[in-house]
N, C-alpha and C. Protein backbone atom coordinates (compact mmCIF):
# COMPACT_ATOMS: atom_id res chain seq x y z
N MET A 1 0.87 -1.11 0.03
CA MET A 1 0.00 0.15 -0.08
C MET A 1 0.87 1.22 0.06
N ALA A 2 0.57 2.24 -0.94
CA ALA A 2 1.53 3.35 -1.00
C ALA A 2 0.86 4.52 0.00
N VAL A 3 1.95 5.15 0.60
CA VAL A 3 1.58 6.09 1.54
C VAL A 3 2.05 7.46 0.94
N VAL A 4 1.10 8.24 1.13
CA VAL A 4 1.28 9.66 0.58
C VAL A 4 2.12 10.62 1.81
N VAL A 5 3.32 10.87 1.77
CA VAL A 5 4.02 11.53 2.83
C VAL A 5 3.68 13.16 2.82
N SER A 6 2.97 13.57 3.59
CA SER A 6 2.62 14.91 3.63
C SER A 6 2.38 15.40 5.00
N PRO A 7 2.11 16.64 5.22
CA PRO A 7 1.83 17.23 6.59
C PRO A 7 0.64 16.79 7.17
N ASN A 8 -0.18 16.10 6.27
CA ASN A 8 -1.62 15.58 6.73
C ASN A 8 -1.45 14.17 7.16
N LEU A 9 -0.43 13.41 6.89
CA LEU A 9 -0.12 12.03 7.40
C LEU A 9 -0.36 11.86 8.94
N ILE A 10 0.03 12.81 9.65
CA ILE A 10 0.16 12.75 11.13
C ILE A 10 -1.46 12.73 11.62
N TYR A 11 -2.34 13.36 10.96
CA TYR A 11 -3.77 13.43 11.38
C TYR A 11 -4.45 11.99 11.31
N GLY A 12 -4.03 11.26 10.29
CA GLY A 12 -4.52 9.90 10.10
C GLY A 12 -4.08 9.05 11.21
N HIS A 13 -2.98 9.43 11.94
CA HIS A 13 -2.55 8.43 13.11
C HIS A 13 -3.06 8.81 14.37
N VAL A 14 -2.98 10.25 14.68
CA VAL A 14 -3.45 10.65 15.92
C VAL A 14 -5.03 10.57 16.09
N LYS A 15 -5.77 10.61 15.05
CA LYS A 15 -7.34 10.47 15.22
C LYS A 15 -7.76 9.23 15.91
N ASP A 16 -6.86 8.18 15.78
CA ASP A 16 -7.34 6.78 16.32
C ASP A 16 -6.95 6.53 17.66
N SER A 17 -6.24 7.43 18.24
CA SER A 17 -5.68 7.19 19.66
C SER A 17 -5.93 8.38 20.58
N LYS A 18 -6.79 8.31 21.60
CA LYS A 18 -6.99 9.52 22.61
C LYS A 18 -5.63 9.99 23.05
N VAL A 19 -4.62 9.14 23.50
CA VAL A 19 -3.39 9.60 23.94
C VAL A 19 -2.64 10.34 23.08
N LEU A 20 -2.36 9.71 21.77
CA LEU A 20 -1.75 10.57 20.69
C LEU A 20 -2.41 11.91 20.42
N LEU A 21 -3.76 11.82 20.25
CA LEU A 21 -4.44 13.02 19.88
C LEU A 21 -4.16 14.16 20.96
N ARG A 22 -4.32 13.78 22.25
CA ARG A 22 -4.06 14.77 23.23
C ARG A 22 -2.67 15.32 23.31
N ALA A 23 -1.70 14.32 23.11
CA ALA A 23 -0.35 14.74 22.96
C ALA A 23 -0.10 15.80 21.78
N TRP A 24 -0.69 15.51 20.58
CA TRP A 24 -0.59 16.20 19.40
C TRP A 24 -1.20 17.50 19.88
N GLU A 25 -2.38 17.60 20.33
CA GLU A 25 -3.02 18.94 20.57
C GLU A 25 -2.30 19.71 21.53
N LEU A 26 -1.55 19.13 22.50
CA LEU A 26 -0.80 19.98 23.51
C LEU A 26 0.49 20.62 22.76
N LEU A 27 1.08 19.66 21.90
CA LEU A 27 2.15 20.10 21.17
C LEU A 27 1.94 21.23 20.12
N GLU A 28 0.76 21.10 19.45
CA GLU A 28 0.27 22.16 18.57
C GLU A 28 -0.04 23.48 19.24
N SER A 29 -0.76 23.31 20.31
CA SER A 29 -1.15 24.51 20.93
C SER A 29 -0.12 25.31 21.94
N ASP A 30 1.04 24.63 22.06
CA ASP A 30 1.99 25.18 23.07
C ASP A 30 2.87 26.10 22.29
N ASN A 31 2.65 27.52 22.76
CA ASN A 31 3.41 28.49 22.10
C ASN A 31 4.85 28.43 22.16
N GLU A 32 5.47 27.97 23.21
CA GLU A 32 6.78 27.89 23.39
C GLU A 32 7.26 26.81 22.32
N ILE A 33 6.65 25.71 22.19
CA ILE A 33 7.17 24.77 21.32
C ILE A 33 7.07 25.29 19.92
N GLN A 34 5.82 25.90 19.62
CA GLN A 34 5.66 26.34 18.15
C GLN A 34 6.71 27.50 17.81
N GLU A 35 7.10 28.37 18.77
CA GLU A 35 8.04 29.36 18.35
C GLU A 35 9.39 28.65 18.36
N THR A 36 9.58 27.65 19.13
CA THR A 36 11.00 26.99 19.01
C THR A 36 11.18 26.37 17.58
N ILE A 37 10.03 25.74 17.07
CA ILE A 37 10.10 25.23 15.68
C ILE A 37 10.33 26.32 14.55
N LYS A 38 9.58 27.33 14.90
CA LYS A 38 9.78 28.47 13.98
C LYS A 38 11.25 29.01 13.95
N MET A 39 11.79 29.00 15.21
CA MET A 39 13.25 29.56 15.39
C MET A 39 14.11 28.53 14.65
N ALA A 40 13.89 27.32 14.85
CA ALA A 40 14.70 26.13 14.13
C ALA A 40 14.54 26.37 12.64
N ASN A 41 13.46 26.77 12.10
CA ASN A 41 13.32 27.06 10.79
C ASN A 41 14.04 28.21 10.23
N ILE A 42 14.16 29.39 11.10
CA ILE A 42 14.82 30.55 10.86
C ILE A 42 16.32 30.06 10.61
N MET A 43 16.82 29.40 11.73
CA MET A 43 18.30 28.89 11.70
C MET A 43 18.54 28.00 10.41
N ALA A 44 17.61 27.13 10.19
CA ALA A 44 17.89 26.01 9.09
C ALA A 44 17.89 26.68 7.62
N VAL A 45 16.85 27.42 7.49
CA VAL A 45 16.56 27.94 6.10
C VAL A 45 17.27 29.25 5.92
N GLY A 46 17.06 30.23 6.90
CA GLY A 46 17.69 31.41 6.68
C GLY A 46 19.21 31.52 6.82
N ARG A 47 19.81 30.79 7.81
CA ARG A 47 21.27 30.88 7.97
C ARG A 47 21.94 29.81 7.43
N LEU A 48 21.47 28.55 7.40
CA LEU A 48 22.26 27.54 6.92
C LEU A 48 21.87 26.97 5.50
N LYS A 49 20.85 27.52 4.93
CA LYS A 49 20.28 27.57 3.63
C LYS A 49 19.87 25.99 3.46
N TYR A 50 19.32 25.55 4.38
CA TYR A 50 18.62 24.18 4.10
C TYR A 50 17.11 24.33 3.71
N ASN A 51 16.50 23.39 3.53
CA ASN A 51 15.03 23.44 3.19
C ASN A 51 14.18 23.47 4.51
N ASP A 52 12.96 23.41 4.24
CA ASP A 52 12.09 23.62 5.47
C ASP A 52 12.32 22.72 6.52
N HIS A 53 12.46 23.55 7.75
CA HIS A 53 12.53 22.71 8.91
C HIS A 53 11.63 23.20 10.04
N GLY A 54 10.49 23.70 9.55
CA GLY A 54 9.53 24.52 10.55
C GLY A 54 8.44 23.58 10.87
N VAL A 55 7.34 24.10 10.94
CA VAL A 55 6.02 23.52 11.40
C VAL A 55 5.56 22.43 10.42
N VAL A 56 5.67 22.68 9.11
CA VAL A 56 5.34 21.64 8.30
C VAL A 56 6.21 20.43 8.13
N HIS A 57 7.53 20.87 8.26
CA HIS A 57 8.48 19.93 8.42
C HIS A 57 8.24 18.87 9.70
N SER A 58 7.85 19.50 10.78
CA SER A 58 7.78 18.57 12.00
C SER A 58 6.63 17.78 11.90
N ARG A 59 5.39 18.28 11.07
CA ARG A 59 4.40 17.42 10.96
C ARG A 59 4.66 16.31 9.88
N ILE A 60 5.30 16.47 8.91
CA ILE A 60 5.76 15.48 8.07
C ILE A 60 6.60 14.37 8.75
N VAL A 61 7.60 14.88 9.47
CA VAL A 61 8.47 13.90 10.18
C VAL A 61 7.65 13.14 11.26
N ALA A 62 6.72 13.69 12.01
CA ALA A 62 6.03 12.92 12.85
C ALA A 62 5.14 12.06 12.32
N GLY A 63 4.27 12.46 11.18
CA GLY A 63 3.51 11.45 10.54
C GLY A 63 4.21 10.29 10.06
N SER A 64 5.58 10.52 9.47
CA SER A 64 6.40 9.54 8.80
C SER A 64 6.87 8.65 9.95
N ALA A 65 7.17 9.09 11.00
CA ALA A 65 7.60 8.24 12.20
C ALA A 65 6.59 7.38 12.53
N LEU A 66 5.47 7.80 12.79
CA LEU A 66 4.35 6.95 13.24
C LEU A 66 3.91 5.99 12.09
N GLU A 67 4.01 6.25 10.90
CA GLU A 67 3.94 5.36 9.86
C GLU A 67 4.95 4.14 9.96
N ILE A 68 6.16 4.53 10.05
CA ILE A 68 7.30 3.46 10.29
C ILE A 68 6.96 2.70 11.44
N LEU A 69 6.54 3.19 12.55
CA LEU A 69 6.29 2.49 13.81
C LEU A 69 5.02 1.62 13.52
N ASN A 70 4.16 1.95 12.86
CA ASN A 70 2.93 0.88 12.51
C ASN A 70 3.47 -0.24 11.71
N LEU A 71 4.29 0.09 10.71
CA LEU A 71 4.87 -1.07 9.95
C LEU A 71 5.69 -1.94 10.84
N LEU A 72 6.57 -1.48 11.73
CA LEU A 72 7.26 -2.34 12.66
C LEU A 72 6.28 -3.01 13.54
N LEU A 73 5.37 -2.48 14.01
CA LEU A 73 4.32 -3.21 14.93
C LEU A 73 3.55 -4.34 14.03
N GLU A 74 3.25 -4.07 12.73
CA GLU A 74 2.61 -5.01 12.07
C GLU A 74 3.47 -6.21 11.66
N SER A 75 4.71 -6.05 11.63
CA SER A 75 5.61 -7.01 11.29
C SER A 75 6.12 -7.77 12.48
N GLY A 76 5.44 -7.46 13.73
CA GLY A 76 5.80 -8.08 15.03
C GLY A 76 6.93 -7.54 15.63
N ILE A 77 7.48 -6.43 15.24
CA ILE A 77 8.69 -5.81 16.00
C ILE A 77 8.21 -4.76 17.00
N LYS A 78 8.48 -5.09 18.13
CA LYS A 78 8.07 -4.18 19.27
C LYS A 78 9.11 -3.41 19.72
N PRO A 79 9.34 -2.25 19.58
CA PRO A 79 10.39 -1.39 20.04
C PRO A 79 10.56 -1.42 21.71
N THR A 80 11.65 -1.40 22.15
CA THR A 80 11.69 -1.49 23.54
C THR A 80 11.29 -0.21 24.29
N THR A 81 10.96 0.94 23.61
CA THR A 81 10.29 1.97 24.11
C THR A 81 8.91 1.72 24.47
N LEU A 82 8.27 0.80 23.77
CA LEU A 82 6.78 0.59 23.90
C LEU A 82 6.79 -0.70 24.86
N ALA A 83 7.81 -1.33 25.34
CA ALA A 83 7.71 -2.52 26.11
C ALA A 83 7.65 -2.10 27.73
N PHE A 84 6.67 -1.35 28.14
CA PHE A 84 6.64 -0.87 29.37
C PHE A 84 6.38 -1.99 30.41
N GLY A 85 7.15 -2.11 31.44
CA GLY A 85 7.05 -3.03 32.45
C GLY A 85 7.58 -4.60 32.14
N THR A 86 8.09 -4.75 30.93
CA THR A 86 8.52 -5.98 30.57
C THR A 86 10.08 -6.13 30.46
N ALA A 87 10.73 -7.18 30.99
CA ALA A 87 12.30 -7.14 30.83
C ALA A 87 12.60 -8.53 30.39
């Protein structure tokens, strides 16, 4: 199945989980986090001449990371960060 990598990919993942949705809402509404992302974009684009590293980039990366996580979980691979209380 083909996946379209875009800033909207994140929304398909967070809508199915109350915990993820709440965390996403907190991150999106936190002024300090949003300003930090904007400043990172100023540094990356304005000073280092990289491409976008702002809010759009963070949404793309977050959605892509959750897509990769789902692929791992579907393949039976459970990252140690999700293995709460097991050793």
